[in-house]
Amino acid sequence: MAKLDADIWQDLTYADWVAVAKEAEDNGFENFWLIDSTDAYDDYCAWDSLVAVNTSRMGIGPNVTNPLTRHPRVTANHMLTLHDISKGRAILGIGAGDNAVRSMGEKPATAHVLREAVKIIRAKFKERKAEIPIHVAAVGPLNTRMALQLADGIIFGGSGAGRGHDPAEGVLAGLESLKAKAKEVGRDFSTLEVSLGVSFAISHNRKEAIEEIKGSLARTGLRPLPPGLERFQEEARRAGEAYDYFDHMRSHTRDGQLSRHAKLMSDELAEALSGGMAGTPQEVLPIMRSVWQAASQFPNVSLAFRPRGVGARRKRSFDLLVKEILPQLRS
């Protein structure tokens, strides 16, 4: 059976945030991840503490912070504080940086900077005798190699969804590739905790779900589309060029208006790129089942479910996952 992580981004109300954290823990999720986003989402350093005091079992941490907008020693201090508040459940996810740095006009950290940050943070943990796992986002060949060498866990987005591929095939191909790279650097793949991102949007209103996943799909538009989708290339390019990091991964702004990148993506293109991960529970279930079965072949892999939407829409997708999808996957 696949292991589960919840990757919930903090644009919910206080009450909904606490409810989702409790719902995740009550339903067997092992880790609860938050986004570190300078402009698009509330600061994770406050919201992860709310998860800590309202749960008792799950690991808690950012997916992911970076060494540029937060100095590594600042991050280490926060994680040590969270470690105390949560009674030993802190987990750190760190990467080169995406919207947190891009919305400031900066470029992501180099592999060298990220490597040094991991070393600094680990030294601070060791100094305080705190066993806090460090998970590194495997993005790009240099960062992936470094992550496989130094990290306790890997944060990985290799499902294939968002590129028009079959998500289950993407899971298997991505994990086998990661396993081969681990062997190249002399790392036993089975000793790594791998958190595999699964983006989805579920609603009993199919059009609503398709609309909500457009925000994350728009980012793929600047790359060539796979065979069979070439007719969408110009539409995808326009959506990609319009991508707004201040509405990162969202189809709607916080006040409910359609974001500029989502406006430029048709429902037809969104459906083609989503790999079936957006729709009604009945439509999404077969795709989720195939991803679940693929990931279950790797005991060290957790599916990190990332509900799309904004605020209450995000909570609705997660609620439907828990109530209408997971029971069937587990049966």
C-alpha atoms as a PDB file:
ATOM      1  CA  MET A   1       0.000   0.000   0.000  1.00  0.00           C
ATOM      2  CA  ALA A   2       1.311   3.451  -0.911  1.00  0.00           C
ATOM      3  CA  LYS A   3       2.310   5.872   1.829  1.00  0.00           C
ATOM      4  CA  LEU A   4       0.647   9.288   1.882  1.00  0.00           C
ATOM      5  CA  ASP A   5       1.821  12.862   2.378  1.00  0.00           C
ATOM      6  CA  ALA A   6      -0.400  15.939   2.354  1.00  0.00           C
ATOM      7  CA  ASP A   7       1.061  18.912   0.494  1.00  0.00           C
ATOM      8  CA  ILE A   8      -1.369  21.687   1.453  1.00  0.00           C
ATOM      9  CA  TRP A   9      -0.549  25.296   0.702  1.00  0.00           C
ATOM     10  CA  GLN A  10      -1.520  27.908   3.231  1.00  0.00           C
ATOM     11  CA  ASP A  11      -4.236  30.103   1.738  1.00  0.00           C
ATOM     12  CA  LEU A  12      -7.051  28.642   3.840  1.00  0.00           C
ATOM     13  CA  THR A  13      -8.833  30.278   6.763  1.00  0.00           C
ATOM     14  CA  TYR A  14      -7.559  29.463  10.254  1.00  0.00           C
ATOM     15  CA  ALA A  15     -10.492  27.104  10.910  1.00  0.00           C
ATOM     16  CA  ASP A  16     -10.148  25.305   7.569  1.00  0.00           C
ATOM     17  CA  TRP A  17      -6.385  24.988   8.005  1.00  0.00           C
ATOM     18  CA  VAL A  18      -6.730  23.260  11.364  1.00  0.00           C
ATOM     19  CA  ALA A  19      -9.543  21.066  10.016  1.00  0.00           C
ATOM     20  CA  VAL A  20      -7.464  19.931   7.023  1.00  0.00           C
ATOM     21  CA  ALA A  21      -4.442  19.144   9.226  1.00  0.00           C
ATOM     22  CA  LYS A  22      -6.577  17.028  11.556  1.00  0.00           C
ATOM     23  CA  GLU A  23      -8.286  15.353   8.611  1.00  0.00           C
ATOM     24  CA  ALA A  24      -4.918  14.421   7.115  1.00  0.00           C
ATOM     25  CA  GLU A  25      -3.647  12.928  10.360  1.00  0.00           C
ATOM     26  CA  ASP A  26      -6.898  11.076  11.068  1.00  0.00           C
ATOM     27  CA  ASN A  27      -6.690   9.487   7.618  1.00  0.00           C
ATOM     28  CA  GLY A  28      -3.163   8.157   7.850  1.00  0.00           C
ATOM     29  CA  PHE A  29      -1.085  10.819   6.112  1.00  0.00           C
ATOM     30  CA  GLU A  30       2.512  10.584   7.322  1.00  0.00           C
ATOM     31  CA  ASN A  31       3.811  14.083   6.535  1.00  0.00           C
ATOM     32  CA  PHE A  32       2.211  17.496   6.163  1.00  0.00           C
ATOM     33  CA  TRP A  33       4.075  19.810   3.779  1.00  0.00           C
ATOM     34  CA  LEU A  34       3.689  23.587   3.337  1.00  0.00           C
ATOM     35  CA  ILE A  35       4.931  25.938   0.625  1.00  0.00           C
ATOM     36  CA  ASP A  36       7.530  28.647   1.282  1.00  0.00           C
ATOM     37  CA  SER A  37       6.301  31.418  -1.007  1.00  0.00           C
ATOM     38  CA  THR A  38       7.342  35.001  -0.439  1.00  0.00           C
ATOM     39  CA  ASP A  39       4.346  36.618  -2.124  1.00  0.00           C
ATOM     40  CA  ALA A  40       1.671  34.103  -3.123  1.00  0.00           C
ATOM     41  CA  TYR A  41       0.995  32.305   0.193  1.00  0.00           C
ATOM     42  CA  ASP A  42       1.100  33.067   3.902  1.00  0.00           C
ATOM     43  CA  ASP A  43       4.424  32.494   5.658  1.00  0.00           C
ATOM     44  CA  TYR A  44       4.936  28.838   6.457  1.00  0.00           C
ATOM     45  CA  CYS A  45       6.854  29.613   9.649  1.00  0.00           C
ATOM     46  CA  ALA A  46       3.622  30.608  11.391  1.00  0.00           C
ATOM     47  CA  TRP A  47       1.269  28.087   9.841  1.00  0.00           C
ATOM     48  CA  ASP A  48       3.423  25.018  10.445  1.00  0.00           C
ATOM     49  CA  SER A  49       3.277  25.768  14.170  1.00  0.00           C
ATOM     50  CA  LEU A  50      -0.528  25.597  13.981  1.00  0.00           C
ATOM     51  CA  VAL A  51      -0.229  22.144  12.458  1.00  0.00           C
ATOM     52  CA  ALA A  52       2.214  21.136  15.197  1.00  0.00           C
ATOM     53  CA  VAL A  53      -0.057  22.072  18.095  1.00  0.00           C
ATOM     54  CA  ASN A  54      -3.186  20.604  16.492  1.00  0.00           C
ATOM     55  CA  THR A  55      -1.734  17.202  15.542  1.00  0.00           C
ATOM     56  CA  SER A  56       0.328  14.570  17.320  1.00  0.00           C
ATOM     57  CA  ARG A  57       1.800  12.165  14.773  1.00  0.00           C
ATOM     58  CA  MET A  58       2.573  13.662  11.323  1.00  0.00           C
ATOM     59  CA  GLY A  59       5.908  15.084  10.254  1.00  0.00           C
ATOM     60  CA  ILE A  60       5.702  18.814   9.423  1.00  0.00           C
ATOM     61  CA  GLY A  61       7.832  21.074   7.245  1.00  0.00           C
ATOM     62  CA  PRO A  62       8.286  23.220   4.129  1.00  0.00           C
ATOM     63  CA  ASN A  63       8.108  21.859   0.591  1.00  0.00           C
ATOM     64  CA  VAL A  64      10.280  23.682  -0.100  1.00  0.00           C
ATOM     65  CA  THR A  65      12.258  26.528   1.384  1.00  0.00           C
ATOM     66  CA  ASN A  66      15.442  27.845  -0.235  1.00  0.00           C
ATOM     67  CA  PRO A  67      18.856  29.222   0.811  1.00  0.00           C
ATOM     68  CA  LEU A  68      18.416  32.654  -0.836  1.00  0.00           C
ATOM     69  CA  THR A  69      15.338  34.310   0.662  1.00  0.00           C
ATOM     70  CA  ARG A  70      16.116  32.615   3.998  1.00  0.00           C
ATOM     71  CA  HIS A  71      19.667  32.245   5.256  1.00  0.00           C
ATOM     72  CA  PRO A  72      20.458  28.593   6.097  1.00  0.00           C
ATOM     73  CA  ARG A  73      21.042  29.439   9.763  1.00  0.00           C
ATOM     74  CA  VAL A  74      17.671  31.189   9.914  1.00  0.00           C
ATOM     75  CA  THR A  75      16.035  28.098   8.443  1.00  0.00           C
ATOM     76  CA  ALA A  76      17.910  25.850  10.858  1.00  0.00           C
ATOM     77  CA  ASN A  77      16.714  27.938  13.804  1.00  0.00           C
ATOM     78  CA  HIS A  78      13.099  27.771  12.676  1.00  0.00           C
ATOM     79  CA  MET A  79      13.252  24.025  12.149  1.00  0.00           C
ATOM     80  CA  LEU A  80      14.785  23.509  15.580  1.00  0.00           C
ATOM     81  CA  THR A  81      11.970  25.600  17.075  1.00  0.00           C
ATOM     82  CA  LEU A  82       9.358  23.577  15.181  1.00  0.00           C
ATOM     83  CA  HIS A  83      11.127  20.404  16.331  1.00  0.00           C
ATOM     84  CA  ASP A  84      10.569  21.461  19.948  1.00  0.00           C
ATOM     85  CA  ILE A  85       6.971  22.600  19.453  1.00  0.00           C
ATOM     86  CA  SER A  86       6.016  19.415  17.607  1.00  0.00           C
ATOM     87  CA  LYS A  87       7.907  17.122  19.999  1.00  0.00           C
ATOM     88  CA  GLY A  88      10.318  15.855  17.378  1.00  0.00           C
ATOM     89  CA  ARG A  89       8.199  15.870  14.204  1.00  0.00           C
ATOM     90  CA  ALA A  90       9.952  18.557  12.137  1.00  0.00           C
ATOM     91  CA  ILE A  91      11.061  17.679   8.594  1.00  0.00           C
ATOM     92  CA  LEU A  92      12.898  20.048   6.274  1.00  0.00           C
ATOM     93  CA  GLY A  93      12.338  20.333   2.557  1.00  0.00           C
ATOM     94  CA  ILE A  94      14.778  22.606   0.726  1.00  0.00           C
ATOM     95  CA  GLY A  95      15.505  23.362  -2.903  1.00  0.00           C
ATOM     96  CA  ALA A  96      17.009  25.931  -5.233  1.00  0.00           C
ATOM     97  CA  GLY A  97      13.951  28.201  -5.019  1.00  0.00           C
ATOM     98  CA  ASP A  98      11.156  28.902  -7.448  1.00  0.00           C
ATOM     99  CA  ASN A  99       8.500  31.569  -7.086  1.00  0.00           C
ATOM    100  CA  ALA A 100       9.913  32.755  -3.748  1.00  0.00           C
ATOM    101  CA  VAL A 101      13.039  33.981  -5.533  1.00  0.00           C
ATOM    102  CA  ARG A 102      11.649  34.584  -9.029  1.00  0.00           C
ATOM    103  CA  SER A 103       8.973  36.980  -7.756  1.00  0.00           C
ATOM    104  CA  MET A 104      11.869  39.049  -6.356  1.00  0.00           C
ATOM    105  CA  GLY A 105      13.574  39.118  -9.733  1.00  0.00           C
ATOM    106  CA  GLU A 106      16.296  36.688  -8.663  1.00  0.00           C
ATOM    107  CA  LYS A 107      17.479  33.357 -10.059  1.00  0.00           C
ATOM    108  CA  PRO A 108      17.309  30.029  -8.176  1.00  0.00           C
ATOM    109  CA  ALA A 109      20.329  28.967  -6.122  1.00  0.00           C
ATOM    110  CA  THR A 110      23.153  27.121  -7.813  1.00  0.00           C
ATOM    111  CA  ALA A 111      23.874  23.521  -6.876  1.00  0.00           C
ATOM    112  CA  HIS A 112      26.967  24.704  -4.968  1.00  0.00           C
ATOM    113  CA  VAL A 113      24.968  27.189  -2.869  1.00  0.00           C
ATOM    114  CA  LEU A 114      22.328  24.568  -2.125  1.00  0.00           C
ATOM    115  CA  ARG A 115      24.955  22.013  -1.146  1.00  0.00           C
ATOM    116  CA  GLU A 116      26.614  24.434   1.278  1.00  0.00           C
ATOM    117  CA  ALA A 117      23.226  25.324   2.764  1.00  0.00           C
ATOM    118  CA  VAL A 118      22.463  21.667   3.470  1.00  0.00           C
ATOM    119  CA  LYS A 119      25.835  21.298   5.197  1.00  0.00           C
ATOM    120  CA  ILE A 120      25.281  24.406   7.352  1.00  0.00           C
ATOM    121  CA  ILE A 121      21.798  23.342   8.383  1.00  0.00           C
ATOM    122  CA  ARG A 122      22.843  19.787   9.172  1.00  0.00           C
ATOM    123  CA  ALA A 123      25.706  21.071  11.319  1.00  0.00           C
ATOM    124  CA  LYS A 124      23.274  23.221  13.348  1.00  0.00           C
ATOM    125  CA  PHE A 125      20.978  20.221  13.833  1.00  0.00           C
ATOM    126  CA  LYS A 126      23.923  18.112  14.979  1.00  0.00           C
ATOM    127  CA  GLU A 127      25.040  20.866  17.363  1.00  0.00           C
ATOM    128  CA  ARG A 128      21.631  20.729  19.058  1.00  0.00           C
ATOM    129  CA  LYS A 129      21.459  16.914  18.858  1.00  0.00           C
ATOM    130  CA  ALA A 130      18.225  17.152  16.875  1.00  0.00           C
ATOM    131  CA  GLU A 131      17.429  14.408  14.382  1.00  0.00           C
ATOM    132  CA  ILE A 132      15.564  16.394  11.728  1.00  0.00           C
ATOM    133  CA  PRO A 133      15.435  14.759   8.278  1.00  0.00           C
ATOM    134  CA  ILE A 134      16.550  16.939   5.366  1.00  0.00           C
ATOM    135  CA  HIS A 135      14.705  16.390   2.087  1.00  0.00           C
ATOM    136  CA  VAL A 136      16.081  18.049  -1.054  1.00  0.00           C
ATOM    137  CA  ALA A 137      14.110  18.844  -4.197  1.00  0.00           C
ATOM    138  CA  ALA A 138      15.571  16.880  -7.101  1.00  0.00           C
ATOM    139  CA  VAL A 139      15.294  19.398  -9.936  1.00  0.00           C
ATOM    140  CA  GLY A 140      17.992  19.427 -12.610  1.00  0.00           C
ATOM    141  CA  PRO A 141      20.939  17.017 -12.927  1.00  0.00           C
ATOM    142  CA  LEU A 142      23.353  18.772 -10.541  1.00  0.00           C
ATOM    143  CA  ASN A 143      20.839  19.273  -7.737  1.00  0.00           C
ATOM    144  CA  THR A 144      19.557  15.727  -8.172  1.00  0.00           C
ATOM    145  CA  ARG A 145      23.073  14.318  -7.873  1.00  0.00           C
ATOM    146  CA  MET A 146      23.744  16.413  -4.782  1.00  0.00           C
ATOM    147  CA  ALA A 147      20.412  15.408  -3.231  1.00  0.00           C
ATOM    148  CA  LEU A 148      21.131  11.732  -3.772  1.00  0.00           C
ATOM    149  CA  GLN A 149      24.526  12.132  -2.123  1.00  0.00           C
ATOM    150  CA  LEU A 150      23.601  14.227   0.923  1.00  0.00           C
ATOM    151  CA  ALA A 151      19.877  14.166   1.638  1.00  0.00           C
ATOM    152  CA  ASP A 152      17.797  11.939   3.878  1.00  0.00           C
ATOM    153  CA  GLY A 153      14.927  12.246   1.453  1.00  0.00           C
ATOM    154  CA  ILE A 154      14.096  13.356  -2.074  1.00  0.00           C
ATOM    155  CA  ILE A 155      11.253  15.636  -3.134  1.00  0.00           C
ATOM    156  CA  PHE A 156      10.387  14.550  -6.638  1.00  0.00           C
ATOM    157  CA  GLY A 157       7.860  15.613  -9.264  1.00  0.00           C
ATOM    158  CA  GLY A 158       8.192  12.738 -11.699  1.00  0.00           C
ATOM    159  CA  SER A 159       4.559  11.704 -12.234  1.00  0.00           C
ATOM    160  CA  GLY A 160       4.279  12.917 -15.830  1.00  0.00           C
ATOM    161  CA  ALA A 161       1.003  14.732 -15.147  1.00  0.00           C
ATOM    162  CA  GLY A 162       1.041  18.179 -16.660  1.00  0.00           C
ATOM    163  CA  ARG A 163       2.865  16.998 -19.755  1.00  0.00           C
ATOM    164  CA  GLY A 164       0.039  15.038 -21.342  1.00  0.00           C
ATOM    165  CA  HIS A 165       1.584  11.708 -20.306  1.00  0.00           C
ATOM    166  CA  ASP A 166      -0.037   8.833 -18.500  1.00  0.00           C
ATOM    167  CA  PRO A 167       0.624   9.653 -14.817  1.00  0.00           C
ATOM    168  CA  ALA A 168       1.223   6.039 -13.761  1.00  0.00           C
ATOM    169  CA  GLU A 169       3.743   5.493 -16.555  1.00  0.00           C
ATOM    170  CA  GLY A 170       5.394   8.747 -15.500  1.00  0.00           C
ATOM    171  CA  VAL A 171       5.656   7.536 -11.897  1.00  0.00           C
ATOM    172  CA  LEU A 172       7.340   4.282 -12.880  1.00  0.00           C
ATOM    173  CA  ALA A 173       9.686   5.892 -15.395  1.00  0.00           C
ATOM    174  CA  GLY A 174      10.613   8.728 -13.046  1.00  0.00           C
ATOM    175  CA  LEU A 175      11.318   6.494 -10.068  1.00  0.00           C
ATOM    176  CA  GLU A 176      13.318   3.980 -12.094  1.00  0.00           C
ATOM    177  CA  SER A 177      15.397   6.868 -13.459  1.00  0.00           C
ATOM    178  CA  LEU A 178      15.949   8.223  -9.950  1.00  0.00           C
ATOM    179  CA  LYS A 179      16.909   4.751  -8.746  1.00  0.00           C
ATOM    180  CA  ALA A 180      19.488   4.456 -11.542  1.00  0.00           C
ATOM    181  CA  LYS A 181      20.970   7.859 -10.665  1.00  0.00           C
ATOM    182  CA  ALA A 182      21.218   6.841  -7.020  1.00  0.00           C
ATOM    183  CA  LYS A 183      23.214   3.794  -8.049  1.00  0.00           C
ATOM    184  CA  GLU A 184      25.569   6.007 -10.063  1.00  0.00           C
ATOM    185  CA  VAL A 185      26.514   8.001  -6.943  1.00  0.00           C
ATOM    186  CA  GLY A 186      26.735   4.911  -4.734  1.00  0.00           C
ATOM    187  CA  ARG A 187      23.517   5.509  -2.792  1.00  0.00           C
ATOM    188  CA  ASP A 188      21.116   2.724  -1.873  1.00  0.00           C
ATOM    189  CA  PHE A 189      17.811   3.990  -3.270  1.00  0.00           C
ATOM    190  CA  SER A 190      15.821   2.074  -0.676  1.00  0.00           C
ATOM    191  CA  THR A 191      17.391   4.166   2.120  1.00  0.00           C
ATOM    192  CA  LEU A 192      15.913   7.385   0.694  1.00  0.00           C
ATOM    193  CA  GLU A 193      12.463   8.641   1.591  1.00  0.00           C
ATOM    194  CA  VAL A 194      10.969   9.864  -1.692  1.00  0.00           C
ATOM    195  CA  SER A 195       8.032  12.269  -1.667  1.00  0.00           C
ATOM    196  CA  LEU A 196       6.368  12.187  -5.088  1.00  0.00           C
ATOM    197  CA  GLY A 197       4.130  15.162  -5.901  1.00  0.00           C
ATOM    198  CA  VAL A 198       0.628  14.396  -7.206  1.00  0.00           C
ATOM    199  CA  SER A 199      -1.312  17.462  -8.352  1.00  0.00           C
ATOM    200  CA  PHE A 200      -5.074  17.101  -8.677  1.00  0.00           C
ATOM    201  CA  ALA A 201      -8.391  18.943  -8.586  1.00  0.00           C
ATOM    202  CA  ILE A 202     -11.653  17.186  -7.733  1.00  0.00           C
ATOM    203  CA  SER A 203     -15.182  18.532  -7.786  1.00  0.00           C
ATOM    204  CA  HIS A 204     -18.661  17.197  -8.476  1.00  0.00           C
ATOM    205  CA  ASN A 205     -18.693  20.046 -10.998  1.00  0.00           C
ATOM    206  CA  ARG A 206     -16.285  18.790 -13.655  1.00  0.00           C
ATOM    207  CA  LYS A 207     -15.738  22.173 -15.314  1.00  0.00           C
ATOM    208  CA  GLU A 208     -14.812  23.661 -11.940  1.00  0.00           C
ATOM    209  CA  ALA A 209     -12.093  21.042 -11.382  1.00  0.00           C
ATOM    210  CA  ILE A 210     -10.669  21.512 -14.893  1.00  0.00           C
ATOM    211  CA  GLU A 211     -10.500  25.260 -14.326  1.00  0.00           C
ATOM    212  CA  GLU A 212      -8.734  24.880 -10.989  1.00  0.00           C
ATOM    213  CA  ILE A 213      -5.844  22.838 -12.357  1.00  0.00           C
ATOM    214  CA  LYS A 214      -5.040  25.327 -15.123  1.00  0.00           C
ATOM    215  CA  GLY A 215      -2.806  27.408 -12.862  1.00  0.00           C
ATOM    216  CA  SER A 216      -0.230  24.672 -12.367  1.00  0.00           C
ATOM    217  CA  LEU A 217      -0.434  23.505 -15.982  1.00  0.00           C
ATOM    218  CA  ALA A 218       0.260  26.968 -17.426  1.00  0.00           C
ATOM    219  CA  ARG A 219       3.913  26.690 -16.402  1.00  0.00           C
ATOM    220  CA  THR A 220       4.478  23.870 -18.894  1.00  0.00           C
ATOM    221  CA  GLY A 221       3.575  26.029 -21.869  1.00  0.00           C
ATOM    222  CA  LEU A 222       7.065  27.266 -22.685  1.00  0.00           C
ATOM    223  CA  ARG A 223       8.302  23.756 -23.425  1.00  0.00           C
ATOM    224  CA  PRO A 224       7.449  21.670 -26.500  1.00  0.00           C
ATOM    225  CA  LEU A 225       4.259  19.688 -26.049  1.00  0.00           C
ATOM    226  CA  PRO A 226       4.323  15.900 -26.500  1.00  0.00           C
ATOM    227  CA  PRO A 227       3.272  14.227 -29.761  1.00  0.00           C
ATOM    228  CA  GLY A 228      -0.412  14.559 -30.456  1.00  0.00           C
ATOM    229  CA  LEU A 229      -0.764  17.913 -28.726  1.00  0.00           C
ATOM    230  CA  GLU A 230       1.175  20.083 -31.185  1.00  0.00           C
ATOM    231  CA  ARG A 231      -2.005  21.929 -32.179  1.00  0.00           C
ATOM    232  CA  PHE A 232      -2.070  23.462 -28.696  1.00  0.00           C
ATOM    233  CA  GLN A 233       1.508  24.751 -28.766  1.00  0.00           C
ATOM    234  CA  GLU A 234       0.715  28.400 -29.483  1.00  0.00           C
ATOM    235  CA  GLU A 235      -2.034  28.500 -26.863  1.00  0.00           C
ATOM    236  CA  ALA A 236       0.266  26.845 -24.333  1.00  0.00           C
ATOM    237  CA  ARG A 237       3.066  29.290 -25.136  1.00  0.00           C
ATOM    238  CA  ARG A 238       0.819  32.304 -24.498  1.00  0.00           C
ATOM    239  CA  ALA A 239      -0.317  30.873 -21.166  1.00  0.00           C
ATOM    240  CA  GLY A 240       3.283  30.130 -20.165  1.00  0.00           C
ATOM    241  CA  GLU A 241       4.490  33.612 -21.045  1.00  0.00           C
ATOM    242  CA  ALA A 242       1.644  35.112 -19.008  1.00  0.00           C
ATOM    243  CA  TYR A 243       2.454  33.009 -15.937  1.00  0.00           C
ATOM    244  CA  ASP A 244       2.227  35.142 -12.801  1.00  0.00           C
ATOM    245  CA  TYR A 245       4.400  34.067  -9.862  1.00  0.00           C
ATOM    246  CA  PHE A 246       2.246  36.191  -7.553  1.00  0.00           C
ATOM    247  CA  ASP A 247      -0.551  33.677  -8.242  1.00  0.00           C
ATOM    248  CA  HIS A 248       1.826  30.735  -8.145  1.00  0.00           C
ATOM    249  CA  MET A 249       0.213  27.408  -9.132  1.00  0.00           C
ATOM    250  CA  ARG A 250      -3.269  28.917  -8.840  1.00  0.00           C
ATOM    251  CA  SER A 251      -5.948  29.480 -11.454  1.00  0.00           C
ATOM    252  CA  HIS A 252      -7.588  32.147  -9.305  1.00  0.00           C
ATOM    253  CA  THR A 253      -6.337  35.106  -7.319  1.00  0.00           C
ATOM    254  CA  ARG A 254      -7.069  35.179  -3.607  1.00  0.00           C
ATOM    255  CA  ASP A 255     -10.165  37.294  -4.236  1.00  0.00           C
ATOM    256  CA  GLY A 256     -11.555  34.675  -6.618  1.00  0.00           C
ATOM    257  CA  GLN A 257     -10.737  36.284  -9.973  1.00  0.00           C
ATOM    258  CA  LEU A 258      -9.366  34.110 -12.770  1.00  0.00           C
ATOM    259  CA  SER A 259      -5.584  34.603 -13.048  1.00  0.00           C
ATOM    260  CA  ARG A 260      -4.103  35.932 -16.269  1.00  0.00           C
ATOM    261  CA  HIS A 261      -2.371  32.660 -17.161  1.00  0.00           C
ATOM    262  CA  ALA A 262      -5.524  30.591 -16.560  1.00  0.00           C
ATOM    263  CA  LYS A 263      -7.566  32.895 -18.791  1.00  0.00           C
ATOM    264  CA  LEU A 264      -5.350  31.948 -21.719  1.00  0.00           C
ATOM    265  CA  MET A 265      -5.753  28.168 -21.317  1.00  0.00           C
ATOM    266  CA  SER A 266      -8.765  26.379 -22.774  1.00  0.00           C
ATOM    267  CA  ASP A 267     -10.547  23.557 -20.982  1.00  0.00           C
ATOM    268  CA  GLU A 268      -9.514  21.260 -23.834  1.00  0.00           C
ATOM    269  CA  LEU A 269      -5.809  21.957 -23.345  1.00  0.00           C
ATOM    270  CA  ALA A 270      -6.097  21.664 -19.553  1.00  0.00           C
ATOM    271  CA  GLU A 271      -7.764  18.272 -19.880  1.00  0.00           C
ATOM    272  CA  ALA A 272      -5.093  17.079 -22.307  1.00  0.00           C
ATOM    273  CA  LEU A 273      -2.226  18.154 -20.045  1.00  0.00           C
ATOM    274  CA  SER A 274      -3.708  17.058 -16.706  1.00  0.00           C
ATOM    275  CA  GLY A 275      -3.424  13.350 -17.469  1.00  0.00           C
ATOM    276  CA  GLY A 276      -6.896  12.803 -16.023  1.00  0.00           C
ATOM    277  CA  MET A 277      -6.044  14.266 -12.609  1.00  0.00           C
ATOM    278  CA  ALA A 278      -8.854  16.832 -12.729  1.00  0.00           C
ATOM    279  CA  GLY A 279     -12.565  16.073 -12.810  1.00  0.00           C
ATOM    280  CA  THR A 280     -15.278  14.400 -10.773  1.00  0.00           C
ATOM    281  CA  PRO A 281     -14.358  11.716  -8.210  1.00  0.00           C
ATOM    282  CA  GLN A 282     -15.576   9.017 -10.595  1.00  0.00           C
ATOM    283  CA  GLU A 283     -13.404  10.376 -13.416  1.00  0.00           C
ATOM    284  CA  VAL A 284     -10.263  10.835 -11.331  1.00  0.00           C
ATOM    285  CA  LEU A 285     -10.473   7.523  -9.454  1.00  0.00           C
ATOM    286  CA  PRO A 286      -9.066   5.246 -12.234  1.00  0.00           C
ATOM    287  CA  ILE A 287      -6.045   7.513 -12.752  1.00  0.00           C
ATOM    288  CA  MET A 288      -5.449   7.786  -9.010  1.00  0.00           C
ATOM    289  CA  ARG A 289      -5.666   4.001  -8.734  1.00  0.00           C
ATOM    290  CA  SER A 290      -3.041   3.481 -11.429  1.00  0.00           C
ATOM    291  CA  VAL A 291      -0.696   5.992  -9.752  1.00  0.00           C
ATOM    292  CA  TRP A 292      -1.316   4.349  -6.367  1.00  0.00           C
ATOM    293  CA  GLN A 293      -0.462   0.916  -7.758  1.00  0.00           C
ATOM    294  CA  ALA A 294       2.673   2.210  -9.463  1.00  0.00           C
ATOM    295  CA  ALA A 295       3.970   3.933  -6.318  1.00  0.00           C
ATOM    296  CA  SER A 296       3.150   0.896  -4.170  1.00  0.00           C
ATOM    297  CA  GLN A 297       5.957  -0.987  -5.928  1.00  0.00           C
ATOM    298  CA  PHE A 298       8.448   1.241  -4.051  1.00  0.00           C
ATOM    299  CA  PRO A 299       8.176   0.931  -0.228  1.00  0.00           C
ATOM    300  CA  ASN A 300      10.239   4.089   0.292  1.00  0.00           C
ATOM    301  CA  VAL A 301       7.946   6.311  -1.812  1.00  0.00           C
ATOM    302  CA  SER A 302       5.130   8.499  -0.487  1.00  0.00           C
ATOM    303  CA  LEU A 303       2.493  10.121  -2.678  1.00  0.00           C
ATOM    304  CA  ALA A 304       2.390  13.818  -1.764  1.00  0.00           C
ATOM    305  CA  PHE A 305      -1.126  14.899  -2.719  1.00  0.00           C
ATOM    306  CA  ARG A 306      -1.296  18.559  -3.799  1.00  0.00           C
ATOM    307  CA  PRO A 307      -4.891  19.781  -4.151  1.00  0.00           C
ATOM    308  CA  ARG A 308      -5.224  22.659  -6.584  1.00  0.00           C
ATOM    309  CA  GLY A 309      -7.575  25.592  -6.231  1.00  0.00           C
ATOM    310  CA  VAL A 310      -7.515  28.469  -3.796  1.00  0.00           C
ATOM    311  CA  GLY A 311      -8.748  28.582  -0.209  1.00  0.00           C
ATOM    312  CA  ALA A 312     -12.014  26.702   0.212  1.00  0.00           C
ATOM    313  CA  ARG A 313     -11.648  25.180  -3.272  1.00  0.00           C
ATOM    314  CA  ARG A 314      -8.377  23.561  -2.212  1.00  0.00           C
ATOM    315  CA  LYS A 315     -10.016  22.161   0.916  1.00  0.00           C
ATOM    316  CA  ARG A 316     -12.923  20.794  -1.139  1.00  0.00           C
ATOM    317  CA  SER A 317     -10.565  18.853  -3.411  1.00  0.00           C
ATOM    318  CA  PHE A 318      -8.735  17.398  -0.414  1.00  0.00           C
ATOM    319  CA  ASP A 319     -12.003  16.481   1.330  1.00  0.00           C
ATOM    320  CA  LEU A 320     -13.207  14.630  -1.762  1.00  0.00           C
ATOM    321  CA  LEU A 321      -9.865  12.833  -2.080  1.00  0.00           C
ATOM    322  CA  VAL A 322     -10.110  11.631   1.520  1.00  0.00           C
ATOM    323  CA  LYS A 323     -13.808  10.744   1.516  1.00  0.00           C
ATOM    324  CA  GLU A 324     -14.449   9.419  -1.979  1.00  0.00           C
ATOM    325  CA  ILE A 325     -11.094   8.342  -3.440  1.00  0.00           C
ATOM    326  CA  LEU A 326      -8.871   6.959  -0.675  1.00  0.00           C
ATOM    327  CA  PRO A 327     -11.382   4.436   0.713  1.00  0.00           C
ATOM    328  CA  GLN A 328     -11.597   2.837  -2.739  1.00  0.00           C
ATOM    329  CA  LEU A 329      -7.836   2.862  -3.211  1.00  0.00           C
ATOM    330  CA  ARG A 330      -7.362   1.144   0.141  1.00  0.00           C
ATOM    331  CA  SER A 331     -10.113  -1.435  -0.278  1.00  0.00           C
END
